[in-house]
Amino acid sequence: MGRYYSGDIEGKFRFGVQQSDDASFFGGEENHPSYLEYYFDETHKKSIEAGIAKCHGALRGYETKLADCLKNDALHSDRDVAAALGVSTQELQRLYVWCARLELGEKIRKCVGKNGSCSFEAEL
């Protein structure tokens, strides 16, 4: 079971890592039913880009290394991945949060760039 977002972009929030309101980080407009509804358009481009830049800054170049580790079938646990990256498991959890956020921000940016706007619902 997981929490999903759907609309102009779709995906699944990372379990135990990513909150349903993570898109708020990028400055969209939020509504509060049983789903969060987000809307982004050209006027939000600056805050989307700023959010993506913050993600890259927080990841400090680990995004590619982490992706490579997660593709490696020999690494089966967070402890294995953390050791391969040379970080603590606590730091790895922090990196997971920022990677998940970056992925969401890039989807939002791509959607706004392609369609001029992006709206989606996120399960709470």
C-alpha atoms as a PDB file:
ATOM      1  CA  MET A   1       0.000   0.000   0.000  1.00  0.00           C
ATOM      2  CA  GLY A   2       1.284   3.443  -0.801  1.00  0.00           C
ATOM      3  CA  ARG A   3       0.296   7.021  -1.331  1.00  0.00           C
ATOM      4  CA  TYR A   4       0.040   8.220  -4.895  1.00  0.00           C
ATOM      5  CA  TYR A   5      -0.297  11.492  -6.737  1.00  0.00           C
ATOM      6  CA  SER A   6      -2.147  11.804 -10.006  1.00  0.00           C
ATOM      7  CA  GLY A   7      -3.295  14.430 -12.481  1.00  0.00           C
ATOM      8  CA  ASP A   8      -1.008  16.082 -15.018  1.00  0.00           C
ATOM      9  CA  ILE A   9       1.839  14.121 -13.413  1.00  0.00           C
ATOM     10  CA  GLU A  10       1.649  10.778 -11.659  1.00  0.00           C
ATOM     11  CA  GLY A  11       3.788   8.866  -9.235  1.00  0.00           C
ATOM     12  CA  LYS A  12       4.073   7.282  -5.839  1.00  0.00           C
ATOM     13  CA  PHE A  13       5.460   8.983  -2.764  1.00  0.00           C
ATOM     14  CA  ARG A  14       8.470   7.201  -1.330  1.00  0.00           C
ATOM     15  CA  PHE A  15       7.355   5.105   1.638  1.00  0.00           C
ATOM     16  CA  GLY A  16       8.740   6.273   4.961  1.00  0.00           C
ATOM     17  CA  VAL A  17      10.689   9.048   3.266  1.00  0.00           C
ATOM     18  CA  GLN A  18       8.364  11.482   1.540  1.00  0.00           C
ATOM     19  CA  GLN A  19       5.360  13.343   2.946  1.00  0.00           C
ATOM     20  CA  SER A  20       2.175  13.783   0.899  1.00  0.00           C
ATOM     21  CA  ASP A  21       2.610  17.556   1.021  1.00  0.00           C
ATOM     22  CA  ASP A  22       6.158  17.468  -0.400  1.00  0.00           C
ATOM     23  CA  ALA A  23       5.092  19.426  -3.506  1.00  0.00           C
ATOM     24  CA  SER A  24       4.529  22.453  -1.214  1.00  0.00           C
ATOM     25  CA  PHE A  25       8.319  22.744  -1.166  1.00  0.00           C
ATOM     26  CA  PHE A  26       8.115  23.958  -4.776  1.00  0.00           C
ATOM     27  CA  GLY A  27       5.573  26.725  -4.068  1.00  0.00           C
ATOM     28  CA  GLY A  28       2.357  25.433  -5.660  1.00  0.00           C
ATOM     29  CA  GLU A  29      -1.120  26.173  -4.382  1.00  0.00           C
ATOM     30  CA  GLU A  30      -2.472  23.591  -1.934  1.00  0.00           C
ATOM     31  CA  ASN A  31      -6.056  22.573  -1.096  1.00  0.00           C
ATOM     32  CA  HIS A  32      -7.013  20.346   1.884  1.00  0.00           C
ATOM     33  CA  PRO A  33      -9.640  17.664   1.142  1.00  0.00           C
ATOM     34  CA  SER A  34      -8.698  13.981   1.679  1.00  0.00           C
ATOM     35  CA  TYR A  35      -6.244  14.672  -1.115  1.00  0.00           C
ATOM     36  CA  LEU A  36      -3.905  17.604  -1.513  1.00  0.00           C
ATOM     37  CA  GLU A  37      -4.565  19.300  -4.820  1.00  0.00           C
ATOM     38  CA  TYR A  38      -1.663  21.093  -6.434  1.00  0.00           C
ATOM     39  CA  TYR A  39      -1.578  23.570  -9.281  1.00  0.00           C
ATOM     40  CA  PHE A  40       1.550  24.998 -10.888  1.00  0.00           C
ATOM     41  CA  ASP A  41       1.873  27.244 -13.916  1.00  0.00           C
ATOM     42  CA  GLU A  42       4.392  29.546 -15.557  1.00  0.00           C
ATOM     43  CA  THR A  43       4.169  31.947 -12.589  1.00  0.00           C
ATOM     44  CA  HIS A  44       5.635  29.223 -10.342  1.00  0.00           C
ATOM     45  CA  LYS A  45       8.716  28.543 -12.514  1.00  0.00           C
ATOM     46  CA  LYS A  46      11.042  30.582 -10.327  1.00  0.00           C
ATOM     47  CA  SER A  47      10.039  28.744  -7.121  1.00  0.00           C
ATOM     48  CA  ILE A  48      10.170  25.364  -8.891  1.00  0.00           C
ATOM     49  CA  GLU A  49      13.716  26.074 -10.098  1.00  0.00           C
ATOM     50  CA  ALA A  50      14.728  27.352  -6.658  1.00  0.00           C
ATOM     51  CA  GLY A  51      13.384  24.180  -5.062  1.00  0.00           C
ATOM     52  CA  ILE A  52      15.236  21.976  -7.524  1.00  0.00           C
ATOM     53  CA  ALA A  53      18.444  23.932  -6.875  1.00  0.00           C
ATOM     54  CA  LYS A  54      17.992  23.414  -3.109  1.00  0.00           C
ATOM     55  CA  CYS A  55      17.583  19.681  -3.721  1.00  0.00           C
ATOM     56  CA  HIS A  56      20.815  19.530  -5.703  1.00  0.00           C
ATOM     57  CA  GLY A  57      22.580  21.519  -2.980  1.00  0.00           C
ATOM     58  CA  ALA A  58      21.336  19.192  -0.247  1.00  0.00           C
ATOM     59  CA  LEU A  59      22.354  16.112  -2.241  1.00  0.00           C
ATOM     60  CA  ARG A  60      25.902  17.450  -2.757  1.00  0.00           C
ATOM     61  CA  GLY A  61      26.479  15.291  -5.834  1.00  0.00           C
ATOM     62  CA  TYR A  62      25.132  12.074  -4.319  1.00  0.00           C
ATOM     63  CA  GLU A  63      22.158  11.804  -6.725  1.00  0.00           C
ATOM     64  CA  THR A  64      24.121   9.886  -9.390  1.00  0.00           C
ATOM     65  CA  LYS A  65      26.032   7.787  -6.846  1.00  0.00           C
ATOM     66  CA  LEU A  66      22.802   6.884  -5.057  1.00  0.00           C
ATOM     67  CA  ALA A  67      21.059   5.965  -8.323  1.00  0.00           C
ATOM     68  CA  ASP A  68      24.010   3.728  -9.236  1.00  0.00           C
ATOM     69  CA  CYS A  69      23.867   2.022  -5.829  1.00  0.00           C
ATOM     70  CA  LEU A  70      20.132   1.404  -6.097  1.00  0.00           C
ATOM     71  CA  LYS A  71      20.639  -0.245  -9.507  1.00  0.00           C
ATOM     72  CA  ASN A  72      23.238  -2.614  -8.004  1.00  0.00           C
ATOM     73  CA  ASP A  73      21.485  -5.903  -7.196  1.00  0.00           C
ATOM     74  CA  ALA A  74      24.258  -6.841  -4.761  1.00  0.00           C
ATOM     75  CA  LEU A  75      23.252  -4.043  -2.364  1.00  0.00           C
ATOM     76  CA  HIS A  76      20.235  -5.345  -0.462  1.00  0.00           C
ATOM     77  CA  SER A  77      19.882  -3.112   2.573  1.00  0.00           C
ATOM     78  CA  ASP A  78      20.178   0.509   3.596  1.00  0.00           C
ATOM     79  CA  ARG A  79      23.306  -0.480   5.509  1.00  0.00           C
ATOM     80  CA  ASP A  80      24.855  -1.849   2.275  1.00  0.00           C
ATOM     81  CA  VAL A  81      23.912   1.274   0.306  1.00  0.00           C
ATOM     82  CA  ALA A  82      25.201   3.580   3.063  1.00  0.00           C
ATOM     83  CA  ALA A  83      28.514   1.693   3.184  1.00  0.00           C
ATOM     84  CA  ALA A  84      28.877   1.875  -0.606  1.00  0.00           C
ATOM     85  CA  LEU A  85      28.320   5.636  -0.466  1.00  0.00           C
ATOM     86  CA  GLY A  86      30.530   6.111   2.588  1.00  0.00           C
ATOM     87  CA  VAL A  87      27.744   7.697   4.659  1.00  0.00           C
ATOM     88  CA  SER A  88      25.853   6.739   7.797  1.00  0.00           C
ATOM     89  CA  THR A  89      22.411   5.137   7.522  1.00  0.00           C
ATOM     90  CA  GLN A  90      21.001   8.325   9.057  1.00  0.00           C
ATOM     91  CA  GLU A  91      22.637  10.398   6.305  1.00  0.00           C
ATOM     92  CA  LEU A  92      21.326   7.911   3.723  1.00  0.00           C
ATOM     93  CA  GLN A  93      17.764   8.515   4.939  1.00  0.00           C
ATOM     94  CA  ARG A  94      18.310  12.255   4.516  1.00  0.00           C
ATOM     95  CA  LEU A  95      19.598  11.642   0.970  1.00  0.00           C
ATOM     96  CA  TYR A  96      16.539   9.507   0.169  1.00  0.00           C
ATOM     97  CA  VAL A  97      14.265  12.393   1.195  1.00  0.00           C
ATOM     98  CA  TRP A  98      16.082  14.856  -1.052  1.00  0.00           C
ATOM     99  CA  CYS A  99      16.243  12.407  -3.984  1.00  0.00           C
ATOM    100  CA  ALA A 100      12.504  11.768  -3.769  1.00  0.00           C
ATOM    101  CA  ARG A 101      11.841  15.504  -3.583  1.00  0.00           C
ATOM    102  CA  LEU A 102      14.119  16.173  -6.557  1.00  0.00           C
ATOM    103  CA  GLU A 103      12.296  13.557  -8.634  1.00  0.00           C
ATOM    104  CA  LEU A 104       8.958  15.205  -7.850  1.00  0.00           C
ATOM    105  CA  GLY A 105      10.287  18.687  -8.627  1.00  0.00           C
ATOM    106  CA  GLU A 106      11.689  17.554 -11.953  1.00  0.00           C
ATOM    107  CA  LYS A 107       8.317  16.028 -12.900  1.00  0.00           C
ATOM    108  CA  ILE A 108       6.574  19.298 -12.013  1.00  0.00           C
ATOM    109  CA  ARG A 109       9.108  21.352 -14.002  1.00  0.00           C
ATOM    110  CA  LYS A 110       8.811  19.090 -17.052  1.00  0.00           C
ATOM    111  CA  CYS A 111       5.010  19.188 -16.956  1.00  0.00           C
ATOM    112  CA  VAL A 112       4.859  22.996 -16.661  1.00  0.00           C
ATOM    113  CA  GLY A 113       7.422  23.310 -19.457  1.00  0.00           C
ATOM    114  CA  LYS A 114       5.466  21.004 -21.740  1.00  0.00           C
ATOM    115  CA  ASN A 115       1.869  22.028 -20.915  1.00  0.00           C
ATOM    116  CA  GLY A 116       2.158  25.505 -19.411  1.00  0.00           C
ATOM    117  CA  SER A 117       0.594  24.208 -16.187  1.00  0.00           C
ATOM    118  CA  CYS A 118       0.600  21.162 -13.963  1.00  0.00           C
ATOM    119  CA  SER A 119      -2.070  20.004 -11.566  1.00  0.00           C
ATOM    120  CA  PHE A 120      -2.311  16.822  -9.550  1.00  0.00           C
ATOM    121  CA  GLU A 121      -3.789  15.295  -6.423  1.00  0.00           C
ATOM    122  CA  ALA A 122      -1.707  13.735  -3.669  1.00  0.00           C
ATOM    123  CA  GLU A 123      -3.184  11.156  -1.301  1.00  0.00           C
ATOM    124  CA  LEU A 124      -2.944  12.011   2.369  1.00  0.00           C
END
